[in-house]
């Protein structure tokens, strides 16, 4: 485990957010920082890379004490996917292992949600979500026979943010707070 890389990312992201940049700047600069982190796959502690046989896992890696950002590893077992959901804040997605498929959903005049063109993220690539551009999507492991892992960074403590899942056909909404898969956070300062 090489916590130094994770610590360097957290420090750089903290310095960036201290300047109070606008969201496009956060996505551009924070995305570049995340791309550097996910360019190598030798730093994620094994405890935060364990899949569950039925459900994707959201492991908290870091939560800023001022709630400026949080960082999680999403661990996708074979064939696992999210429901259609939102985030209510900006987000950066960095692909670490495997491949995931993101499908944006767009609200229609009748209240339903229609899928847009999906795209794949492969290791080293970065994606974004934002209420200002697109915030409703579904994410799936591209593989039916292996685990995929992505690193997500959000503009707040994503495990405590009140969010929504959507029925794409009816447009009905259900509120949720995701929480985290473990109550353990790695010690970045070892």
N, C-alpha and C. Protein backbone atom coordinates (compact mmCIF):
# COMPACT_ATOMS: atom_id res chain seq x y z
N UNK A 1 0.85 -1.18 0.00
CA UNK A 1 0.00 0.00 0.00
C UNK A 1 0.89 1.24 0.00
N UNK A 2 0.60 2.17 -0.89
CA UNK A 2 1.38 3.41 -0.99
C UNK A 2 0.45 4.58 -0.70
N UNK A 3 0.20 4.85 0.58
CA UNK A 3 -0.69 5.94 0.97
C UNK A 3 -0.15 7.29 0.57
N UNK A 4 1.14 7.38 0.27
CA UNK A 4 1.73 8.66 -0.11
C UNK A 4 1.01 9.26 -1.33
N UNK A 5 0.66 8.44 -2.31
CA UNK A 5 -0.03 8.94 -3.50
C UNK A 5 -1.41 9.48 -3.16
N UNK A 6 -2.12 8.79 -2.30
CA UNK A 6 -3.43 9.25 -1.87
C UNK A 6 -3.31 10.55 -1.07
N UNK A 7 -2.34 10.60 -0.19
CA UNK A 7 -2.10 11.81 0.60
C UNK A 7 -1.75 12.99 -0.29
N UNK A 8 -0.91 12.79 -1.27
CA UNK A 8 -0.53 13.87 -2.19
C UNK A 8 -1.77 14.39 -2.92
N UNK A 9 -2.65 13.48 -3.36
CA UNK A 9 -3.88 13.92 -4.03
C UNK A 9 -4.76 14.74 -3.08
N UNK A 10 -4.97 14.25 -1.87
CA UNK A 10 -5.82 14.95 -0.91
C UNK A 10 -5.25 16.33 -0.60
N UNK A 11 -3.94 16.42 -0.44
CA UNK A 11 -3.32 17.72 -0.17
C UNK A 11 -3.50 18.67 -1.35
N UNK A 12 -3.29 18.18 -2.57
CA UNK A 12 -3.42 19.03 -3.75
C UNK A 12 -4.86 19.47 -3.94
N UNK A 13 -5.81 18.57 -3.73
CA UNK A 13 -7.23 18.94 -3.88
C UNK A 13 -7.63 19.95 -2.80
N UNK A 14 -7.12 19.79 -1.60
CA UNK A 14 -7.40 20.75 -0.53
C UNK A 14 -6.86 22.13 -0.87
N UNK A 15 -5.63 22.18 -1.40
CA UNK A 15 -5.05 23.47 -1.80
C UNK A 15 -5.87 24.10 -2.92
N UNK A 16 -6.31 23.30 -3.88
CA UNK A 16 -7.14 23.82 -4.97
C UNK A 16 -8.42 24.43 -4.42
N UNK A 17 -9.11 23.73 -3.54
CA UNK A 17 -10.39 24.22 -3.03
C UNK A 17 -10.24 25.41 -2.10
N UNK A 18 -9.07 25.56 -1.48
CA UNK A 18 -8.82 26.74 -0.64
C UNK A 18 -8.88 28.03 -1.45
N UNK A 19 -8.62 27.96 -2.75
CA UNK A 19 -8.65 29.15 -3.60
C UNK A 19 -10.06 29.54 -4.02
N UNK A 20 -11.05 28.73 -3.64
CA UNK A 20 -12.47 28.95 -3.98
C UNK A 20 -12.69 29.12 -5.48
N UNK A 21 -12.22 28.15 -6.27
CA UNK A 21 -12.39 28.25 -7.73
C UNK A 21 -13.84 27.99 -8.13
N UNK A 22 -14.20 28.41 -9.34
CA UNK A 22 -15.54 28.09 -9.83
C UNK A 22 -15.55 26.62 -10.26
N UNK A 23 -16.77 26.11 -10.47
CA UNK A 23 -16.89 24.68 -10.75
C UNK A 23 -16.14 24.22 -11.99
N UNK A 24 -16.18 24.93 -13.12
CA UNK A 24 -15.39 24.45 -14.27
C UNK A 24 -13.90 24.31 -13.95
N UNK A 25 -13.38 25.20 -13.12
CA UNK A 25 -11.98 25.12 -12.73
C UNK A 25 -11.73 23.91 -11.82
N UNK A 26 -12.67 23.64 -10.91
CA UNK A 26 -12.56 22.46 -10.05
C UNK A 26 -12.53 21.19 -10.91
N UNK A 27 -13.46 21.11 -11.87
CA UNK A 27 -13.53 19.92 -12.71
C UNK A 27 -12.27 19.76 -13.56
N UNK A 28 -11.77 20.86 -14.10
CA UNK A 28 -10.57 20.78 -14.95
C UNK A 28 -9.32 20.45 -14.12
N UNK A 29 -9.06 21.25 -13.10
CA UNK A 29 -7.84 21.05 -12.31
C UNK A 29 -7.94 19.81 -11.42
N UNK A 30 -9.10 19.62 -10.79
CA UNK A 30 -9.29 18.43 -9.96
C UNK A 30 -9.25 17.17 -10.80
N UNK A 31 -9.80 17.25 -12.02
CA UNK A 31 -9.75 16.10 -12.93
C UNK A 31 -8.33 15.76 -13.33
N UNK A 32 -7.51 16.78 -13.57
CA UNK A 32 -6.09 16.53 -13.91
C UNK A 32 -5.36 15.89 -12.74
N UNK A 33 -5.65 16.35 -11.52
CA UNK A 33 -5.03 15.75 -10.34
C UNK A 33 -5.46 14.29 -10.19
N UNK A 34 -6.76 14.02 -10.42
CA UNK A 34 -7.27 12.65 -10.30
C UNK A 34 -6.68 11.76 -11.39
N UNK A 35 -6.50 12.30 -12.59
CA UNK A 35 -5.89 11.53 -13.68
C UNK A 35 -4.49 11.08 -13.30
N UNK A 36 -3.74 11.94 -12.62
CA UNK A 36 -2.40 11.57 -12.17
C UNK A 36 -2.48 10.44 -11.15
N UNK A 37 -3.45 10.51 -10.23
CA UNK A 37 -3.59 9.47 -9.22
C UNK A 37 -3.95 8.12 -9.84
N UNK A 38 -4.92 8.09 -10.75
CA UNK A 38 -5.37 6.81 -11.30
C UNK A 38 -4.50 6.31 -12.45
N UNK A 39 -3.45 7.06 -12.78
CA UNK A 39 -2.52 6.61 -13.82
C UNK A 39 -1.74 5.38 -13.37
N UNK A 40 -1.64 5.17 -12.06
CA UNK A 40 -0.99 3.96 -11.56
C UNK A 40 -1.94 3.26 -10.59
N UNK A 41 -1.85 1.96 -10.56
CA UNK A 41 -2.75 1.15 -9.74
C UNK A 41 -1.95 0.40 -8.68
N UNK A 42 -1.26 1.17 -7.83
CA UNK A 42 -0.44 0.54 -6.79
C UNK A 42 -0.63 1.18 -5.42
N UNK A 43 -1.70 1.94 -5.25
CA UNK A 43 -1.84 2.71 -4.01
C UNK A 43 -3.12 2.42 -3.23
N UNK A 44 -4.12 1.82 -3.84
CA UNK A 44 -5.40 1.61 -3.15
C UNK A 44 -5.28 0.46 -2.14
N UNK A 45 -5.54 0.73 -0.85
CA UNK A 45 -5.47 -0.36 0.13
C UNK A 45 -6.44 -1.49 -0.24
N UNK A 46 -5.99 -2.72 -0.05
CA UNK A 46 -6.79 -3.89 -0.43
C UNK A 46 -8.16 -3.89 0.24
N UNK A 47 -8.26 -3.39 1.46
CA UNK A 47 -9.53 -3.35 2.19
C UNK A 47 -10.59 -2.55 1.44
N UNK A 48 -10.15 -1.59 0.62
CA UNK A 48 -11.07 -0.70 -0.09
C UNK A 48 -11.24 -1.09 -1.55
N UNK A 49 -10.92 -2.36 -1.85
CA UNK A 49 -11.05 -2.89 -3.20
C UNK A 49 -11.80 -4.22 -3.22
N UNK A 50 -12.50 -4.53 -2.13
CA UNK A 50 -13.19 -5.81 -2.00
C UNK A 50 -14.61 -5.71 -2.55
N UNK A 51 -14.95 -6.55 -3.54
CA UNK A 51 -16.32 -6.53 -4.06
C UNK A 51 -17.27 -7.30 -3.14
N UNK A 52 -18.55 -7.02 -3.27
CA UNK A 52 -19.61 -7.76 -2.60
C UNK A 52 -20.29 -8.59 -3.67
N UNK A 53 -20.74 -9.81 -3.37
CA UNK A 53 -21.33 -10.64 -4.42
C UNK A 53 -22.64 -10.10 -5.01
N UNK A 54 -23.33 -9.22 -4.29
CA UNK A 54 -24.62 -8.73 -4.78
C UNK A 54 -24.65 -7.24 -5.09
N UNK A 55 -23.91 -6.43 -4.33
CA UNK A 55 -24.05 -4.97 -4.42
C UNK A 55 -22.69 -4.32 -4.65
N UNK A 56 -22.70 -3.24 -5.44
CA UNK A 56 -21.47 -2.46 -5.56
C UNK A 56 -21.16 -1.86 -4.20
N UNK A 57 -19.90 -1.59 -3.97
CA UNK A 57 -19.44 -1.06 -2.69
C UNK A 57 -18.93 0.36 -2.86
N UNK A 58 -19.22 1.21 -1.88
CA UNK A 58 -18.76 2.60 -1.86
C UNK A 58 -17.95 2.78 -0.58
N UNK A 59 -16.61 2.73 -0.73
CA UNK A 59 -15.72 2.82 0.42
C UNK A 59 -15.18 4.24 0.55
N UNK A 60 -15.36 4.82 1.71
CA UNK A 60 -14.83 6.16 1.97
C UNK A 60 -13.33 6.11 2.11
N UNK A 61 -12.63 6.90 1.28
CA UNK A 61 -11.18 7.03 1.37
C UNK A 61 -10.79 8.29 2.12
N UNK A 62 -11.59 9.36 1.96
CA UNK A 62 -11.29 10.62 2.64
C UNK A 62 -12.53 11.49 2.65
N UNK A 63 -12.77 12.14 3.79
CA UNK A 63 -13.83 13.14 3.90
C UNK A 63 -13.21 14.39 4.51
N UNK A 64 -13.22 15.47 3.75
CA UNK A 64 -12.67 16.74 4.22
C UNK A 64 -13.43 17.19 5.46
N UNK A 65 -12.75 17.63 6.52
CA UNK A 65 -13.46 18.03 7.74
C UNK A 65 -14.36 19.25 7.55
N UNK A 66 -14.14 20.01 6.48
CA UNK A 66 -15.00 21.17 6.19
C UNK A 66 -16.05 20.84 5.13
N UNK A 67 -16.18 19.56 4.79
CA UNK A 67 -17.15 19.08 3.79
C UNK A 67 -16.97 19.70 2.41
N UNK A 68 -15.73 20.11 2.08
CA UNK A 68 -15.47 20.65 0.75
C UNK A 68 -15.44 19.54 -0.29
N UNK A 69 -14.98 18.35 0.10
CA UNK A 69 -14.96 17.22 -0.82
C UNK A 69 -14.83 15.92 -0.07
N UNK A 70 -15.19 14.85 -0.74
CA UNK A 70 -14.97 13.50 -0.22
C UNK A 70 -14.46 12.64 -1.37
N UNK A 71 -13.87 11.52 -1.00
CA UNK A 71 -13.26 10.64 -1.99
C UNK A 71 -13.62 9.21 -1.63
N UNK A 72 -14.08 8.45 -2.62
CA UNK A 72 -14.50 7.08 -2.39
C UNK A 72 -13.97 6.16 -3.49
N UNK A 73 -13.81 4.89 -3.14
CA UNK A 73 -13.57 3.89 -4.18
C UNK A 73 -14.89 3.18 -4.41
N UNK A 74 -15.29 3.08 -5.66
CA UNK A 74 -16.47 2.30 -6.04
C UNK A 74 -15.95 0.97 -6.56
N UNK A 75 -16.40 -0.10 -5.95
CA UNK A 75 -15.97 -1.43 -6.33
C UNK A 75 -17.18 -2.16 -6.91
N UNK A 76 -17.06 -2.48 -8.19
CA UNK A 76 -18.15 -3.09 -8.94
C UNK A 76 -17.86 -4.58 -9.13
N UNK A 77 -18.70 -5.43 -8.54
CA UNK A 77 -18.60 -6.86 -8.82
C UNK A 77 -19.08 -7.11 -10.24
N UNK A 78 -18.86 -8.32 -10.74
CA UNK A 78 -19.29 -8.65 -12.10
C UNK A 78 -20.77 -8.32 -12.34
N UNK A 79 -21.03 -7.55 -13.41
CA UNK A 79 -22.39 -7.24 -13.82
C UNK A 79 -23.16 -6.26 -12.94
N UNK A 80 -22.55 -5.70 -11.92
CA UNK A 80 -23.27 -4.80 -11.01
C UNK A 80 -23.45 -3.42 -11.63
N UNK A 81 -24.55 -2.75 -11.22
CA UNK A 81 -24.81 -1.39 -11.70
C UNK A 81 -25.62 -0.62 -10.67
N UNK A 82 -25.62 0.68 -10.84
CA UNK A 82 -26.41 1.56 -9.98
C UNK A 82 -27.82 1.68 -10.54
N UNK A 83 -28.75 2.17 -9.73
CA UNK A 83 -30.01 2.64 -10.31
C UNK A 83 -29.74 3.99 -10.99
N UNK A 84 -30.70 4.51 -11.70
CA UNK A 84 -30.61 5.87 -12.25
C UNK A 84 -30.66 6.81 -11.05
N UNK A 85 -29.67 7.69 -10.93
CA UNK A 85 -29.55 8.52 -9.72
C UNK A 85 -28.89 9.86 -10.02
N UNK A 86 -28.96 10.76 -9.03
CA UNK A 86 -28.27 12.05 -9.13
C UNK A 86 -27.25 12.16 -8.00
N UNK A 87 -26.56 13.31 -7.94
CA UNK A 87 -25.50 13.53 -6.95
C UNK A 87 -25.71 14.81 -6.14
N UNK A 88 -26.35 15.80 -6.72
CA UNK A 88 -26.62 17.09 -6.08
C UNK A 88 -25.36 17.91 -5.82
N UNK A 89 -24.25 17.54 -6.45
CA UNK A 89 -22.99 18.26 -6.35
C UNK A 89 -22.09 17.82 -7.51
N UNK A 90 -21.00 18.55 -7.74
CA UNK A 90 -20.06 18.15 -8.78
C UNK A 90 -19.37 16.85 -8.36
N UNK A 91 -18.91 16.13 -9.37
CA UNK A 91 -18.19 14.90 -9.10
C UNK A 91 -17.17 14.60 -10.19
N UNK A 92 -16.08 13.98 -9.78
CA UNK A 92 -15.02 13.52 -10.69
C UNK A 92 -14.96 12.00 -10.57
N UNK A 93 -14.81 11.32 -11.68
CA UNK A 93 -14.71 9.87 -11.69
C UNK A 93 -13.41 9.50 -12.39
N UNK A 94 -12.56 8.76 -11.72
CA UNK A 94 -11.31 8.29 -12.29
C UNK A 94 -11.30 6.77 -12.33
N UNK A 95 -11.12 6.21 -13.49
CA UNK A 95 -11.15 4.75 -13.62
C UNK A 95 -9.79 4.19 -13.22
N UNK A 96 -9.81 3.23 -12.28
CA UNK A 96 -8.58 2.63 -11.78
C UNK A 96 -8.35 1.23 -12.35
N UNK A 97 -9.36 0.37 -12.28
CA UNK A 97 -9.25 -1.02 -12.76
C UNK A 97 -10.51 -1.41 -13.52
N UNK A 98 -10.34 -2.22 -14.53
CA UNK A 98 -11.50 -2.72 -15.27
C UNK A 98 -12.08 -1.66 -16.19
N UNK A 99 -13.39 -1.63 -16.26
CA UNK A 99 -14.07 -0.67 -17.14
C UNK A 99 -15.49 -0.47 -16.63
N UNK A 100 -15.97 0.76 -16.68
CA UNK A 100 -17.36 1.01 -16.34
C UNK A 100 -18.04 1.76 -17.47
N UNK A 101 -19.34 1.56 -17.55
CA UNK A 101 -20.16 2.20 -18.57
C UNK A 101 -21.08 3.20 -17.89
N UNK A 102 -21.02 4.44 -18.33
CA UNK A 102 -21.91 5.48 -17.81
C UNK A 102 -22.96 5.79 -18.87
N UNK A 103 -24.22 5.85 -18.44
CA UNK A 103 -25.31 6.23 -19.32
C UNK A 103 -26.02 7.43 -18.72
N UNK A 104 -25.91 8.61 -19.34
CA UNK A 104 -26.63 9.78 -18.83
C UNK A 104 -28.13 9.63 -19.13
N UNK A 105 -28.96 10.16 -18.26
CA UNK A 105 -30.40 10.16 -18.45
C UNK A 105 -30.90 11.59 -18.48
N UNK A 106 -31.86 11.85 -19.37
CA UNK A 106 -32.38 13.20 -19.57
C UNK A 106 -33.88 13.21 -19.31
N UNK A 107 -34.31 14.16 -18.48
CA UNK A 107 -35.73 14.28 -18.15
C UNK A 107 -36.51 14.75 -19.37
N UNK A 108 -37.65 14.11 -19.62
CA UNK A 108 -38.52 14.44 -20.74
C UNK A 108 -39.71 15.27 -20.26
N UNK A 109 -40.44 15.85 -21.17
CA UNK A 109 -41.57 16.71 -20.81
C UNK A 109 -42.66 15.95 -20.06
N UNK A 110 -42.77 14.63 -20.26
CA UNK A 110 -43.78 13.85 -19.54
C UNK A 110 -43.28 13.36 -18.18
N UNK A 111 -42.06 13.76 -17.77
CA UNK A 111 -41.51 13.39 -16.48
C UNK A 111 -40.63 12.15 -16.50
N UNK A 112 -40.67 11.40 -17.58
CA UNK A 112 -39.83 10.20 -17.68
C UNK A 112 -38.38 10.62 -17.96
N UNK A 113 -37.49 9.64 -17.89
CA UNK A 113 -36.08 9.88 -18.18
C UNK A 113 -35.66 8.97 -19.33
N UNK A 114 -35.06 9.56 -20.33
CA UNK A 114 -34.59 8.79 -21.49
C UNK A 114 -33.07 8.69 -21.44
N UNK A 115 -32.54 7.50 -21.75
CA UNK A 115 -31.08 7.36 -21.74
C UNK A 115 -30.44 8.07 -22.92
N UNK A 116 -29.28 8.64 -22.67
CA UNK A 116 -28.46 9.20 -23.74
C UNK A 116 -27.44 8.16 -24.18
N UNK A 117 -26.51 8.61 -24.98
CA UNK A 117 -25.47 7.72 -25.47
C UNK A 117 -24.55 7.35 -24.31
N UNK A 118 -24.32 6.06 -24.12
CA UNK A 118 -23.42 5.64 -23.05
C UNK A 118 -21.98 5.69 -23.53
N UNK A 119 -21.09 5.80 -22.56
CA UNK A 119 -19.68 5.77 -22.89
C UNK A 119 -18.91 5.00 -21.82
N UNK A 120 -17.81 4.47 -22.22
CA UNK A 120 -16.99 3.64 -21.34
C UNK A 120 -15.84 4.45 -20.77
N UNK A 121 -15.49 4.14 -19.54
CA UNK A 121 -14.28 4.67 -18.92
C UNK A 121 -13.34 3.50 -18.72
N UNK A 122 -12.11 3.66 -19.17
CA UNK A 122 -11.08 2.64 -19.00
C UNK A 122 -10.01 3.20 -18.07
N UNK A 123 -9.14 2.35 -17.52
CA UNK A 123 -8.14 2.84 -16.56
C UNK A 123 -7.38 4.07 -17.06
N UNK A 124 -7.30 5.04 -16.15
CA UNK A 124 -6.61 6.29 -16.43
C UNK A 124 -7.52 7.39 -16.95
N UNK A 125 -8.73 7.05 -17.40
CA UNK A 125 -9.65 8.07 -17.92
C UNK A 125 -10.46 8.70 -16.80
N UNK A 126 -10.92 9.93 -17.06
CA UNK A 126 -11.67 10.73 -16.10
C UNK A 126 -13.03 11.09 -16.67
N UNK A 127 -14.05 11.07 -15.83
CA UNK A 127 -15.39 11.53 -16.19
C UNK A 127 -15.86 12.56 -15.17
N UNK A 128 -16.97 13.21 -15.47
CA UNK A 128 -17.48 14.29 -14.62
C UNK A 128 -19.00 14.18 -14.49
N UNK A 129 -19.54 14.65 -13.38
CA UNK A 129 -20.96 14.89 -13.22
C UNK A 129 -21.12 16.26 -12.57
N UNK A 130 -22.26 16.91 -12.85
CA UNK A 130 -22.51 18.22 -12.27
C UNK A 130 -23.97 18.58 -12.46
N UNK A 131 -24.61 19.12 -11.44
CA UNK A 131 -25.97 19.61 -11.62
C UNK A 131 -26.06 20.71 -12.70
N UNK A 132 -24.94 21.38 -12.97
CA UNK A 132 -24.93 22.45 -13.98
C UNK A 132 -24.90 21.90 -15.41
N UNK A 133 -24.47 20.66 -15.59
CA UNK A 133 -24.39 20.10 -16.95
C UNK A 133 -25.22 18.83 -17.06
N UNK A 134 -24.79 17.76 -16.43
CA UNK A 134 -25.61 16.54 -16.34
C UNK A 134 -25.32 15.88 -15.00
N UNK A 135 -26.38 15.50 -14.32
CA UNK A 135 -26.22 14.96 -12.97
C UNK A 135 -26.99 13.67 -12.77
N UNK A 136 -27.74 13.22 -13.77
CA UNK A 136 -28.55 12.01 -13.62
C UNK A 136 -27.97 10.95 -14.56
N UNK A 137 -27.58 9.82 -13.97
CA UNK A 137 -27.00 8.77 -14.80
C UNK A 137 -27.13 7.41 -14.13
N UNK A 138 -26.74 6.39 -14.89
CA UNK A 138 -26.61 5.02 -14.40
C UNK A 138 -25.18 4.61 -14.70
N UNK A 139 -24.56 3.87 -13.78
CA UNK A 139 -23.20 3.41 -13.98
C UNK A 139 -23.18 1.89 -13.79
N UNK A 140 -22.45 1.21 -14.66
CA UNK A 140 -22.40 -0.25 -14.60
C UNK A 140 -20.99 -0.75 -14.84
N UNK A 141 -20.68 -1.88 -14.22
CA UNK A 141 -19.45 -2.59 -14.52
C UNK A 141 -19.59 -3.12 -15.94
N UNK A 142 -18.63 -2.86 -16.78
CA UNK A 142 -18.69 -3.32 -18.17
C UNK A 142 -18.48 -4.83 -18.29
N UNK A 143 -17.98 -5.45 -17.22
CA UNK A 143 -17.63 -6.87 -17.29
C UNK A 143 -18.59 -7.73 -16.49
N UNK A 144 -18.90 -8.89 -17.02
CA UNK A 144 -19.74 -9.86 -16.32
C UNK A 144 -18.91 -10.92 -15.60
N UNK A 145 -17.58 -10.81 -15.70
CA UNK A 145 -16.73 -11.85 -15.12
C UNK A 145 -15.56 -11.31 -14.31
N UNK A 146 -15.53 -10.00 -14.04
CA UNK A 146 -14.43 -9.45 -13.25
C UNK A 146 -14.87 -8.18 -12.54
N UNK A 147 -14.08 -7.80 -11.55
CA UNK A 147 -14.33 -6.60 -10.76
C UNK A 147 -13.77 -5.38 -11.48
N UNK A 148 -14.45 -4.25 -11.34
CA UNK A 148 -13.95 -2.96 -11.81
C UNK A 148 -13.94 -2.00 -10.63
N UNK A 149 -12.99 -1.07 -10.62
CA UNK A 149 -12.88 -0.10 -9.53
C UNK A 149 -12.66 1.28 -10.09
N UNK A 150 -13.46 2.23 -9.61
CA UNK A 150 -13.28 3.63 -9.98
C UNK A 150 -13.16 4.46 -8.70
N UNK A 151 -12.47 5.58 -8.82
CA UNK A 151 -12.26 6.50 -7.70
C UNK A 151 -13.10 7.74 -7.98
N UNK A 152 -13.98 8.09 -7.03
CA UNK A 152 -14.89 9.23 -7.20
C UNK A 152 -14.55 10.30 -6.16
N UNK A 153 -14.59 11.55 -6.60
CA UNK A 153 -14.37 12.69 -5.74
C UNK A 153 -15.58 13.61 -5.91
N UNK A 154 -16.19 14.01 -4.80
CA UNK A 154 -17.42 14.81 -4.84
C UNK A 154 -17.27 16.11 -4.06
N UNK A 155 -18.05 17.10 -4.42
CA UNK A 155 -18.03 18.40 -3.77
C UNK A 155 -18.84 18.43 -2.50
N UNK A 156 -18.54 17.60 -1.56
CA UNK A 156 -19.22 17.47 -0.28
C UNK A 156 -19.03 16.05 0.21
N UNK A 157 -19.58 15.73 1.36
CA UNK A 157 -19.49 14.38 1.89
C UNK A 157 -20.61 13.55 1.27
N UNK A 158 -20.30 12.85 0.17
CA UNK A 158 -21.32 12.18 -0.63
C UNK A 158 -22.11 11.16 0.18
N UNK A 159 -21.54 10.59 1.20
CA UNK A 159 -22.26 9.63 2.03
C UNK A 159 -23.32 10.24 2.90
N UNK A 160 -23.34 11.58 3.01
CA UNK A 160 -24.34 12.29 3.83
C UNK A 160 -25.27 13.18 3.01
N UNK A 161 -25.03 13.32 1.72
CA UNK A 161 -25.84 14.20 0.88
C UNK A 161 -27.16 13.54 0.53
N UNK A 162 -28.25 14.27 0.67
CA UNK A 162 -29.58 13.77 0.30
C UNK A 162 -29.68 13.82 -1.23
N UNK A 163 -29.88 12.62 -1.81
CA UNK A 163 -29.91 12.49 -3.26
C UNK A 163 -31.18 11.76 -3.69
N UNK A 164 -31.24 11.38 -4.98
CA UNK A 164 -32.46 10.77 -5.52
C UNK A 164 -32.14 9.64 -6.47
N UNK A 165 -33.00 8.63 -6.47
CA UNK A 165 -33.01 7.63 -7.52
C UNK A 165 -34.31 7.85 -8.30
N UNK A 166 -34.26 7.51 -9.60
CA UNK A 166 -35.38 7.78 -10.49
C UNK A 166 -35.83 6.51 -11.20
N UNK A 167 -37.14 6.36 -11.32
CA UNK A 167 -37.68 5.33 -12.21
C UNK A 167 -37.71 5.97 -13.59
N UNK A 168 -36.91 5.48 -14.54
CA UNK A 168 -36.83 6.15 -15.83
C UNK A 168 -38.14 6.15 -16.61
N UNK A 169 -38.99 5.17 -16.40
CA UNK A 169 -40.25 5.08 -17.14
C UNK A 169 -41.29 6.05 -16.61
N UNK A 170 -41.47 6.06 -15.28
CA UNK A 170 -42.52 6.91 -14.69
C UNK A 170 -41.99 8.26 -14.25
N UNK A 171 -40.67 8.35 -14.04
CA UNK A 171 -40.10 9.59 -13.52
C UNK A 171 -40.24 9.72 -12.01
N UNK A 172 -40.82 8.72 -11.35
CA UNK A 172 -40.99 8.82 -9.90
C UNK A 172 -39.62 8.88 -9.23
N UNK A 173 -39.59 9.57 -8.11
CA UNK A 173 -38.35 9.86 -7.40
C UNK A 173 -38.40 9.27 -6.00
N UNK A 174 -37.27 8.73 -5.57
CA UNK A 174 -37.14 8.26 -4.20
C UNK A 174 -35.88 8.88 -3.62
N UNK A 175 -36.00 9.52 -2.46
CA UNK A 175 -34.86 10.14 -1.80
C UNK A 175 -34.01 9.07 -1.11
N UNK A 176 -32.70 9.29 -1.06
CA UNK A 176 -31.82 8.39 -0.33
C UNK A 176 -30.56 9.13 0.11
N UNK A 177 -29.89 8.56 1.09
CA UNK A 177 -28.56 8.97 1.53
C UNK A 177 -27.73 7.70 1.47
N UNK A 178 -26.65 7.73 0.70
CA UNK A 178 -25.93 6.49 0.40
C UNK A 178 -25.15 5.90 1.56
N UNK A 179 -24.57 6.71 2.42
CA UNK A 179 -23.69 6.17 3.43
C UNK A 179 -22.46 5.54 2.79
N UNK A 180 -21.79 4.68 3.54
CA UNK A 180 -20.57 4.03 3.05
C UNK A 180 -20.60 2.55 3.40
N UNK A 181 -19.82 1.77 2.68
CA UNK A 181 -19.80 0.33 2.87
C UNK A 181 -19.03 -0.10 4.12
N UNK A 182 -18.11 0.70 4.60
CA UNK A 182 -17.36 0.42 5.83
C UNK A 182 -17.33 1.66 6.68
N UNK A 183 -17.11 1.46 7.97
CA UNK A 183 -16.96 2.60 8.88
C UNK A 183 -15.48 2.86 9.18
N UNK A 184 -14.62 2.52 8.22
CA UNK A 184 -13.17 2.64 8.39
C UNK A 184 -12.63 3.56 7.30
N UNK A 185 -11.71 4.41 7.65
CA UNK A 185 -11.06 5.30 6.69
C UNK A 185 -9.55 5.05 6.78
N UNK A 186 -8.85 4.98 5.65
CA UNK A 186 -7.40 4.74 5.74
C UNK A 186 -6.70 5.90 6.43
N UNK A 187 -5.65 5.59 7.15
CA UNK A 187 -4.84 6.62 7.78
C UNK A 187 -3.84 7.14 6.75
N UNK A 188 -4.11 8.33 6.24
CA UNK A 188 -3.25 8.91 5.21
C UNK A 188 -1.89 9.35 5.74
N UNK A 189 -1.79 9.46 7.03
CA UNK A 189 -0.60 10.07 7.61
C UNK A 189 0.33 9.08 8.27
N UNK A 190 0.19 7.79 7.96
CA UNK A 190 1.09 6.77 8.51
C UNK A 190 2.50 7.01 8.04
